[in-house]
C-alpha atoms as a PDB file:
ATOM      1  CA  MET A   1     160.860  38.740 -83.116  1.00  0.00           C
ATOM      2  CA  ILE A   2     158.274  36.874 -81.108  1.00  0.00           C
ATOM      3  CA  GLU A   3     158.826  39.407 -78.195  1.00  0.00           C
ATOM      4  CA  ASN A   4     158.169  42.390 -80.492  1.00  0.00           C
ATOM      5  CA  LYS A   5     154.966  40.717 -81.621  1.00  0.00           C
ATOM      6  CA  LEU A   6     153.626  40.220 -78.088  1.00  0.00           C
ATOM      7  CA  LYS A   7     154.543  43.706 -76.923  1.00  0.00           C
ATOM      8  CA  ASN A   8     152.600  45.310 -79.990  1.00  0.00           C
ATOM      9  CA  PRO A   9     149.837  47.607 -78.401  1.00  0.00           C
ATOM     10  CA  GLU A  10     147.426  46.126 -80.955  1.00  0.00           C
ATOM     11  CA  VAL A  11     148.019  42.616 -79.616  1.00  0.00           C
ATOM     12  CA  LYS A  12     147.402  43.995 -76.116  1.00  0.00           C
ATOM     13  CA  LYS A  13     144.000  45.376 -77.074  1.00  0.00           C
ATOM     14  CA  LEU A  14     143.060  42.196 -78.784  1.00  0.00           C
ATOM     15  CA  ARG A  15     143.894  40.284 -75.616  1.00  0.00           C
ATOM     16  CA  ALA A  16     141.942  42.488 -73.594  1.00  0.00           C
ATOM     17  CA  GLU A  17     138.989  42.190 -76.032  1.00  0.00           C
ATOM     18  CA  VAL A  18     139.212  38.379 -75.676  1.00  0.00           C
ATOM     19  CA  VAL A  19     139.030  38.624 -71.857  1.00  0.00           C
ATOM     20  CA  ASP A  20     135.952  40.804 -72.086  1.00  0.00           C
ATOM     21  CA  LEU A  21     134.299  38.347 -74.562  1.00  0.00           C
ATOM     22  CA  LYS A  22     135.064  35.362 -72.355  1.00  0.00           C
ATOM     23  CA  ARG A  23     133.611  37.292 -69.284  1.00  0.00           C
ATOM     24  CA  SER A  24     130.349  38.276 -71.182  1.00  0.00           C
ATOM     25  CA  LEU A  25     130.195  34.700 -72.443  1.00  0.00           C
ATOM     26  CA  MET A  26     130.382  33.398 -68.829  1.00  0.00           C
ATOM     27  CA  ASN A  27     127.561  35.895 -67.852  1.00  0.00           C
ATOM     28  CA  LEU A  28     125.422  34.610 -70.846  1.00  0.00           C
ATOM     29  CA  ARG A  29     125.824  31.061 -69.638  1.00  0.00           C
ATOM     30  CA  PHE A  30     124.874  31.804 -66.060  1.00  0.00           C
ATOM     31  CA  GLN A  31     121.756  33.818 -67.447  1.00  0.00           C
ATOM     32  CA  LYS A  32     120.851  30.809 -69.531  1.00  0.00           C
ATOM     33  CA  SER A  33     121.104  28.327 -66.642  1.00  0.00           C
ATOM     34  CA  THR A  34     118.942  30.525 -64.492  1.00  0.00           C
ATOM     35  CA  GLY A  35     116.420  31.055 -67.296  1.00  0.00           C
ATOM     36  CA  GLN A  36     116.930  34.765 -67.593  1.00  0.00           C
ATOM     37  CA  LEU A  37     118.497  34.656 -71.112  1.00  0.00           C
ATOM     38  CA  GLU A  38     115.812  35.330 -73.775  1.00  0.00           C
ATOM     39  CA  LYS A  39     118.159  35.559 -76.814  1.00  0.00           C
ATOM     40  CA  THR A  40     120.204  32.300 -76.648  1.00  0.00           C
ATOM     41  CA  ALA A  41     121.648  33.182 -80.147  1.00  0.00           C
ATOM     42  CA  GLU A  42     123.945  35.727 -78.219  1.00  0.00           C
ATOM     43  CA  ILE A  43     125.991  32.782 -76.899  1.00  0.00           C
ATOM     44  CA  LYS A  44     126.847  31.555 -80.340  1.00  0.00           C
ATOM     45  CA  LYS A  45     127.504  35.127 -81.544  1.00  0.00           C
ATOM     46  CA  ASN A  46     129.916  35.736 -78.645  1.00  0.00           C
ATOM     47  CA  LYS A  47     131.643  32.482 -79.234  1.00  0.00           C
ATOM     48  CA  ASN A  48     132.226  33.504 -82.863  1.00  0.00           C
ATOM     49  CA  LYS A  49     133.558  36.982 -81.903  1.00  0.00           C
ATOM     50  CA  ASP A  50     135.996  35.244 -79.357  1.00  0.00           C
ATOM     51  CA  SER A  51     137.459  32.898 -81.984  1.00  0.00           C
ATOM     52  CA  LYS A  52     137.749  35.608 -84.650  1.00  0.00           C
ATOM     53  CA  THR A  53     139.498  37.854 -82.284  1.00  0.00           C
ATOM     54  CA  LYS A  54     141.838  35.162 -81.068  1.00  0.00           C
ATOM     55  CA  ASN A  55     142.754  34.291 -84.798  1.00  0.00           C
ATOM     56  CA  LYS A  56     143.676  37.857 -85.411  1.00  0.00           C
ATOM     57  CA  TYR A  57     146.718  37.906 -83.075  1.00  0.00           C
ATOM     58  CA  GLU A  58     147.821  34.220 -83.540  1.00  0.00           C
END
């Protein structure tokens, strides 16, 4: 049963989305540290999206 859940195409999409969100979060952190980020609230929004997406497939 667990194997079927992990092979589900929807789960694969959600995992790919989590990877993209983590990558963009890292980019936002780099921008913040170099002073290029103007909208610092984007970091919080991205963290929230990441956690919501993780909860969908767990």
